[in-house]
């Protein structure tokens, strides 16, 4: 079952479920084409590469990377022929706090001066049903590569006012930062640690098909 199940269009006009308001539900996705196969370039200005971690085990701190570039090949007929490549500028990390961002870019965490880029290169692409794709690949941080799998759900296709065919995906996964040598922490007097080992990654992707 998808991690990011979207409501069927018919449900959009129904009353919100208990505990939810109308603003919790986006408009129905569009489908400009029936086959999204092709070569694409990531539109960084309309995409988000985000993450979240627990702080002092009582709250969640969220952030994102502001500079990145990527390409994708989508083959709906033979998904295994699909591929994804992504490069992220390490120093572009942004959590909304300059001191925290500086610490994350330092040698205690990402060591952006020594390792200016994070990369992801797919090694396997699977399609599950119509809308769900699972991309497995090598995530490299601080020179350490580990395999991760990310489940994505297609969020539609559209032709923008400039004539570009766009496709969208939402996805996420959870990793242990220690697997990439991100081991810094501080013990709390009351027990526990300042930063969680588990980090949630979440992605909102918009890509433009190459001419």
C-alpha atoms as a PDB file:
ATOM      1  CA  UNK A   1       0.000   0.000   0.000  1.00  0.00           C
ATOM      2  CA  UNK A   2       1.336   3.416  -0.890  1.00  0.00           C
ATOM      3  CA  UNK A   3       2.727   5.649   1.836  1.00  0.00           C
ATOM      4  CA  UNK A   4       1.090   8.638   0.177  1.00  0.00           C
ATOM      5  CA  UNK A   5      -2.368   7.447  -0.876  1.00  0.00           C
ATOM      6  CA  UNK A   6      -4.353  10.201  -2.540  1.00  0.00           C
ATOM      7  CA  UNK A   7      -8.113  10.446  -2.380  1.00  0.00           C
ATOM      8  CA  UNK A   8     -10.059   9.489  -5.485  1.00  0.00           C
ATOM      9  CA  UNK A   9     -11.490  12.468  -7.395  1.00  0.00           C
ATOM     10  CA  UNK A  10     -15.033  11.461  -6.436  1.00  0.00           C
ATOM     11  CA  UNK A  11     -14.194  11.983  -2.786  1.00  0.00           C
ATOM     12  CA  UNK A  12     -13.160  15.601  -3.272  1.00  0.00           C
ATOM     13  CA  UNK A  13     -16.682  16.943  -2.965  1.00  0.00           C
ATOM     14  CA  UNK A  14     -17.565  14.774   0.022  1.00  0.00           C
ATOM     15  CA  UNK A  15     -17.562  16.120   3.568  1.00  0.00           C
ATOM     16  CA  UNK A  16     -14.136  15.904   5.259  1.00  0.00           C
ATOM     17  CA  UNK A  17     -13.510  12.867   7.443  1.00  0.00           C
ATOM     18  CA  UNK A  18     -13.657  13.258  11.215  1.00  0.00           C
ATOM     19  CA  UNK A  19     -10.741  15.322  12.480  1.00  0.00           C
ATOM     20  CA  UNK A  20      -9.953  16.750   9.044  1.00  0.00           C
ATOM     21  CA  UNK A  21     -10.848  20.026   7.388  1.00  0.00           C
ATOM     22  CA  UNK A  22     -11.349  20.826   3.748  1.00  0.00           C
ATOM     23  CA  UNK A  23      -7.888  22.428   3.487  1.00  0.00           C
ATOM     24  CA  UNK A  24      -6.274  19.055   4.253  1.00  0.00           C
ATOM     25  CA  UNK A  25      -7.218  17.767   0.789  1.00  0.00           C
ATOM     26  CA  UNK A  26      -5.626  19.013  -2.442  1.00  0.00           C
ATOM     27  CA  UNK A  27      -7.419  19.282  -5.753  1.00  0.00           C
ATOM     28  CA  UNK A  28      -7.532  16.153  -7.885  1.00  0.00           C
ATOM     29  CA  UNK A  29      -4.347  15.475  -9.904  1.00  0.00           C
ATOM     30  CA  UNK A  30      -4.395  16.019 -13.656  1.00  0.00           C
ATOM     31  CA  UNK A  31      -3.299  13.631 -16.416  1.00  0.00           C
ATOM     32  CA  UNK A  32      -2.119  15.407 -19.550  1.00  0.00           C
ATOM     33  CA  UNK A  33      -0.755  12.209 -21.089  1.00  0.00           C
ATOM     34  CA  UNK A  34      -1.536   8.535 -20.663  1.00  0.00           C
ATOM     35  CA  UNK A  35       2.112   7.466 -20.977  1.00  0.00           C
ATOM     36  CA  UNK A  36       4.768   9.476 -19.106  1.00  0.00           C
ATOM     37  CA  UNK A  37       7.718   7.584 -20.622  1.00  0.00           C
ATOM     38  CA  UNK A  38      10.634   9.795 -21.563  1.00  0.00           C
ATOM     39  CA  UNK A  39      13.739  11.596 -20.341  1.00  0.00           C
ATOM     40  CA  UNK A  40      13.243  14.294 -17.723  1.00  0.00           C
ATOM     41  CA  UNK A  41      15.123  17.029 -15.891  1.00  0.00           C
ATOM     42  CA  UNK A  42      14.254  17.817 -12.293  1.00  0.00           C
ATOM     43  CA  UNK A  43      12.710  21.255 -11.798  1.00  0.00           C
ATOM     44  CA  UNK A  44      14.414  22.316  -8.569  1.00  0.00           C
ATOM     45  CA  UNK A  45      12.327  25.486  -8.260  1.00  0.00           C
ATOM     46  CA  UNK A  46       9.157  23.392  -7.922  1.00  0.00           C
ATOM     47  CA  UNK A  47      10.581  20.415  -6.024  1.00  0.00           C
ATOM     48  CA  UNK A  48      11.519  19.796  -2.404  1.00  0.00           C
ATOM     49  CA  UNK A  49      14.082  17.449  -0.885  1.00  0.00           C
ATOM     50  CA  UNK A  50      13.169  17.433   2.777  1.00  0.00           C
ATOM     51  CA  UNK A  51      14.087  15.686   5.982  1.00  0.00           C
ATOM     52  CA  UNK A  52      13.025  15.619   9.617  1.00  0.00           C
ATOM     53  CA  UNK A  53      14.594  14.480  12.879  1.00  0.00           C
ATOM     54  CA  UNK A  54      13.557  14.360  16.518  1.00  0.00           C
ATOM     55  CA  UNK A  55      15.182  16.986  18.738  1.00  0.00           C
ATOM     56  CA  UNK A  56      15.669  16.105  22.429  1.00  0.00           C
ATOM     57  CA  UNK A  57      13.127  13.358  21.699  1.00  0.00           C
ATOM     58  CA  UNK A  58      10.262  15.776  22.294  1.00  0.00           C
ATOM     59  CA  UNK A  59       9.808  17.667  19.017  1.00  0.00           C
ATOM     60  CA  UNK A  60      10.482  17.375  15.292  1.00  0.00           C
ATOM     61  CA  UNK A  61      12.874  19.645  13.398  1.00  0.00           C
ATOM     62  CA  UNK A  62      12.346  19.840   9.646  1.00  0.00           C
ATOM     63  CA  UNK A  63      14.642  21.028   6.907  1.00  0.00           C
ATOM     64  CA  UNK A  64      15.478  20.793   3.243  1.00  0.00           C
ATOM     65  CA  UNK A  65      18.257  21.256   0.705  1.00  0.00           C
ATOM     66  CA  UNK A  66      17.998  24.378  -1.430  1.00  0.00           C
ATOM     67  CA  UNK A  67      20.364  23.503  -4.276  1.00  0.00           C
ATOM     68  CA  UNK A  68      20.157  20.276  -6.266  1.00  0.00           C
ATOM     69  CA  UNK A  69      19.964  18.941  -9.802  1.00  0.00           C
ATOM     70  CA  UNK A  70      18.785  15.650 -11.230  1.00  0.00           C
ATOM     71  CA  UNK A  71      17.652  13.675 -14.238  1.00  0.00           C
ATOM     72  CA  UNK A  72      15.320  10.738 -14.734  1.00  0.00           C
ATOM     73  CA  UNK A  73      14.442   8.254 -17.428  1.00  0.00           C
ATOM     74  CA  UNK A  74      10.912   6.894 -17.149  1.00  0.00           C
ATOM     75  CA  UNK A  75       9.916   3.707 -18.966  1.00  0.00           C
ATOM     76  CA  UNK A  76       6.377   2.691 -18.118  1.00  0.00           C
ATOM     77  CA  UNK A  77       6.454  -0.426 -20.297  1.00  0.00           C
ATOM     78  CA  UNK A  78       9.714  -1.778 -18.866  1.00  0.00           C
ATOM     79  CA  UNK A  79      10.183  -0.028 -15.499  1.00  0.00           C
ATOM     80  CA  UNK A  80      13.549  -1.743 -14.967  1.00  0.00           C
ATOM     81  CA  UNK A  81      14.905   0.429 -17.786  1.00  0.00           C
ATOM     82  CA  UNK A  82      14.076   3.553 -15.787  1.00  0.00           C
ATOM     83  CA  UNK A  83      16.763   5.430 -13.865  1.00  0.00           C
ATOM     84  CA  UNK A  84      17.303   8.416 -11.576  1.00  0.00           C
ATOM     85  CA  UNK A  85      20.387  10.510 -10.828  1.00  0.00           C
ATOM     86  CA  UNK A  86      20.545  13.294  -8.242  1.00  0.00           C
ATOM     87  CA  UNK A  87      23.256  15.661  -6.961  1.00  0.00           C
ATOM     88  CA  UNK A  88      22.700  17.849  -3.879  1.00  0.00           C
ATOM     89  CA  UNK A  89      24.837  20.768  -2.690  1.00  0.00           C
ATOM     90  CA  UNK A  90      25.650  19.920   0.923  1.00  0.00           C
ATOM     91  CA  UNK A  91      26.029  23.504   2.128  1.00  0.00           C
ATOM     92  CA  UNK A  92      22.513  24.359   0.905  1.00  0.00           C
ATOM     93  CA  UNK A  93      20.994  22.671   3.962  1.00  0.00           C
ATOM     94  CA  UNK A  94      18.274  24.841   5.484  1.00  0.00           C
ATOM     95  CA  UNK A  95      16.386  24.253   8.737  1.00  0.00           C
ATOM     96  CA  UNK A  96      15.347  27.848   9.281  1.00  0.00           C
ATOM     97  CA  UNK A  97      18.093  28.512  11.848  1.00  0.00           C
ATOM     98  CA  UNK A  98      21.495  29.801  10.709  1.00  0.00           C
ATOM     99  CA  UNK A  99      23.407  28.475  13.753  1.00  0.00           C
ATOM    100  CA  UNK A 100      21.905  25.014  13.367  1.00  0.00           C
ATOM    101  CA  UNK A 101      22.540  25.019   9.624  1.00  0.00           C
ATOM    102  CA  UNK A 102      26.177  25.953  10.243  1.00  0.00           C
ATOM    103  CA  UNK A 103      26.549  23.107  12.719  1.00  0.00           C
ATOM    104  CA  UNK A 104      24.999  20.623  10.286  1.00  0.00           C
ATOM    105  CA  UNK A 105      27.397  21.757   7.543  1.00  0.00           C
ATOM    106  CA  UNK A 106      30.396  21.432   9.879  1.00  0.00           C
ATOM    107  CA  UNK A 107      32.640  18.443  10.479  1.00  0.00           C
ATOM    108  CA  UNK A 108      30.318  17.257  13.262  1.00  0.00           C
ATOM    109  CA  UNK A 109      27.771  16.304  10.626  1.00  0.00           C
ATOM    110  CA  UNK A 110      28.016  16.664   6.827  1.00  0.00           C
ATOM    111  CA  UNK A 111      31.464  18.297   6.613  1.00  0.00           C
ATOM    112  CA  UNK A 112      30.405  20.342   3.590  1.00  0.00           C
ATOM    113  CA  UNK A 113      33.889  21.734   3.007  1.00  0.00           C
ATOM    114  CA  UNK A 114      35.373  18.271   2.473  1.00  0.00           C
ATOM    115  CA  UNK A 115      32.265  16.700   0.939  1.00  0.00           C
ATOM    116  CA  UNK A 116      30.492  19.450  -1.029  1.00  0.00           C
ATOM    117  CA  UNK A 117      27.951  17.108  -2.622  1.00  0.00           C
ATOM    118  CA  UNK A 118      25.532  14.353  -1.693  1.00  0.00           C
ATOM    119  CA  UNK A 119      24.495  12.035  -4.513  1.00  0.00           C
ATOM    120  CA  UNK A 120      21.893   9.410  -5.329  1.00  0.00           C
ATOM    121  CA  UNK A 121      22.100   7.013  -8.279  1.00  0.00           C
ATOM    122  CA  UNK A 122      19.410   4.419  -8.876  1.00  0.00           C
ATOM    123  CA  UNK A 123      20.305   0.755  -9.211  1.00  0.00           C
ATOM    124  CA  UNK A 124      16.783  -0.676  -9.541  1.00  0.00           C
ATOM    125  CA  UNK A 125      13.350   0.687 -10.437  1.00  0.00           C
ATOM    126  CA  UNK A 126      10.097  -1.204  -9.888  1.00  0.00           C
ATOM    127  CA  UNK A 127       6.501  -0.297 -10.605  1.00  0.00           C
ATOM    128  CA  UNK A 128       3.710  -1.503  -8.363  1.00  0.00           C
ATOM    129  CA  UNK A 129       0.317  -0.945  -9.861  1.00  0.00           C
ATOM    130  CA  UNK A 130      -0.512   2.191 -11.820  1.00  0.00           C
ATOM    131  CA  UNK A 131       0.808   4.949  -9.579  1.00  0.00           C
ATOM    132  CA  UNK A 132       3.418   3.485  -7.230  1.00  0.00           C
ATOM    133  CA  UNK A 133       7.112   3.272  -8.082  1.00  0.00           C
ATOM    134  CA  UNK A 134       9.908   1.960  -5.850  1.00  0.00           C
ATOM    135  CA  UNK A 135      13.361   3.340  -6.589  1.00  0.00           C
ATOM    136  CA  UNK A 136      16.388   1.642  -5.045  1.00  0.00           C
ATOM    137  CA  UNK A 137      19.780   3.248  -5.335  1.00  0.00           C
ATOM    138  CA  UNK A 138      23.064   4.265  -3.767  1.00  0.00           C
ATOM    139  CA  UNK A 139      22.883   7.287  -1.490  1.00  0.00           C
ATOM    140  CA  UNK A 140      26.355   8.750  -0.929  1.00  0.00           C
ATOM    141  CA  UNK A 141      27.036  11.030   2.044  1.00  0.00           C
ATOM    142  CA  UNK A 142      30.547  11.939   3.259  1.00  0.00           C
ATOM    143  CA  UNK A 143      31.997   9.481   0.767  1.00  0.00           C
ATOM    144  CA  UNK A 144      29.963   6.572   2.172  1.00  0.00           C
ATOM    145  CA  UNK A 145      27.495   4.816  -0.131  1.00  0.00           C
ATOM    146  CA  UNK A 146      24.554   2.822   1.182  1.00  0.00           C
ATOM    147  CA  UNK A 147      21.580   1.355  -0.650  1.00  0.00           C
ATOM    148  CA  UNK A 148      18.169   2.853   0.111  1.00  0.00           C
ATOM    149  CA  UNK A 149      14.695   2.199  -1.304  1.00  0.00           C
ATOM    150  CA  UNK A 150      12.184   5.007  -1.709  1.00  0.00           C
ATOM    151  CA  UNK A 151       8.511   4.523  -2.494  1.00  0.00           C
ATOM    152  CA  UNK A 152       7.028   7.175  -4.751  1.00  0.00           C
ATOM    153  CA  UNK A 153       3.477   7.829  -5.847  1.00  0.00           C
ATOM    154  CA  UNK A 154       2.743   9.516  -9.151  1.00  0.00           C
ATOM    155  CA  UNK A 155       0.834  12.766  -8.617  1.00  0.00           C
ATOM    156  CA  UNK A 156      -0.108  13.375 -12.215  1.00  0.00           C
ATOM    157  CA  UNK A 157       1.065  15.113 -15.373  1.00  0.00           C
ATOM    158  CA  UNK A 158       0.366  18.519 -16.850  1.00  0.00           C
ATOM    159  CA  UNK A 159       1.357  20.878 -19.637  1.00  0.00           C
ATOM    160  CA  UNK A 160       2.406  24.216 -18.110  1.00  0.00           C
ATOM    161  CA  UNK A 161       1.806  27.656 -19.701  1.00  0.00           C
ATOM    162  CA  UNK A 162       5.209  27.440 -21.417  1.00  0.00           C
ATOM    163  CA  UNK A 163       4.373  24.188 -23.183  1.00  0.00           C
ATOM    164  CA  UNK A 164       6.477  21.966 -20.902  1.00  0.00           C
ATOM    165  CA  UNK A 165       5.184  18.518 -20.036  1.00  0.00           C
ATOM    166  CA  UNK A 166       5.561  18.076 -16.296  1.00  0.00           C
ATOM    167  CA  UNK A 167       5.203  15.003 -14.125  1.00  0.00           C
ATOM    168  CA  UNK A 168       5.009  14.866 -10.346  1.00  0.00           C
ATOM    169  CA  UNK A 169       5.875  12.354  -7.650  1.00  0.00           C
ATOM    170  CA  UNK A 170       5.727  12.270  -3.845  1.00  0.00           C
ATOM    171  CA  UNK A 171       7.798   9.840  -1.810  1.00  0.00           C
ATOM    172  CA  UNK A 172       9.632   9.123   1.379  1.00  0.00           C
ATOM    173  CA  UNK A 173      11.687   6.721   3.449  1.00  0.00           C
ATOM    174  CA  UNK A 174      13.492   6.506   6.799  1.00  0.00           C
ATOM    175  CA  UNK A 175      17.241   6.043   7.246  1.00  0.00           C
ATOM    176  CA  UNK A 176      19.684   5.751  10.135  1.00  0.00           C
ATOM    177  CA  UNK A 177      22.167   8.625   9.886  1.00  0.00           C
ATOM    178  CA  UNK A 178      24.900   6.600  11.601  1.00  0.00           C
ATOM    179  CA  UNK A 179      25.088   4.379   8.504  1.00  0.00           C
ATOM    180  CA  UNK A 180      26.689   7.367   6.748  1.00  0.00           C
ATOM    181  CA  UNK A 181      29.043   8.376   9.543  1.00  0.00           C
ATOM    182  CA  UNK A 182      26.755  11.105  10.932  1.00  0.00           C
ATOM    183  CA  UNK A 183      27.357  10.086  14.539  1.00  0.00           C
ATOM    184  CA  UNK A 184      27.523  13.364  16.479  1.00  0.00           C
ATOM    185  CA  UNK A 185      25.170  13.575  19.453  1.00  0.00           C
ATOM    186  CA  UNK A 186      24.868  14.901  22.972  1.00  0.00           C
ATOM    187  CA  UNK A 187      23.480  13.074  25.993  1.00  0.00           C
ATOM    188  CA  UNK A 188      20.643  14.640  27.960  1.00  0.00           C
ATOM    189  CA  UNK A 189      20.734  14.808  31.748  1.00  0.00           C
ATOM    190  CA  UNK A 190      17.281  13.283  31.879  1.00  0.00           C
ATOM    191  CA  UNK A 191      18.304  10.419  29.603  1.00  0.00           C
ATOM    192  CA  UNK A 192      18.220  10.027  25.864  1.00  0.00           C
ATOM    193  CA  UNK A 193      20.081  12.089  23.290  1.00  0.00           C
ATOM    194  CA  UNK A 194      19.715  15.441  21.571  1.00  0.00           C
ATOM    195  CA  UNK A 195      19.284  14.204  17.965  1.00  0.00           C
ATOM    196  CA  UNK A 196      17.510  11.056  16.802  1.00  0.00           C
ATOM    197  CA  UNK A 197      19.444   8.463  14.825  1.00  0.00           C
ATOM    198  CA  UNK A 198      16.472   7.883  12.535  1.00  0.00           C
ATOM    199  CA  UNK A 199      15.895  10.545   9.891  1.00  0.00           C
ATOM    200  CA  UNK A 200      12.785  10.761   7.749  1.00  0.00           C
ATOM    201  CA  UNK A 201      13.314  11.795   4.131  1.00  0.00           C
ATOM    202  CA  UNK A 202      10.472  13.210   2.065  1.00  0.00           C
ATOM    203  CA  UNK A 203      10.377  14.293  -1.556  1.00  0.00           C
ATOM    204  CA  UNK A 204       8.035  16.398  -3.666  1.00  0.00           C
ATOM    205  CA  UNK A 205       9.238  16.119  -7.226  1.00  0.00           C
ATOM    206  CA  UNK A 206       8.364  18.033 -10.366  1.00  0.00           C
ATOM    207  CA  UNK A 207      10.236  17.088 -13.539  1.00  0.00           C
ATOM    208  CA  UNK A 208      10.085  18.452 -17.083  1.00  0.00           C
ATOM    209  CA  UNK A 209      10.331  16.169 -20.105  1.00  0.00           C
ATOM    210  CA  UNK A 210      13.303  16.999 -22.302  1.00  0.00           C
ATOM    211  CA  UNK A 211      12.562  18.357 -25.751  1.00  0.00           C
END
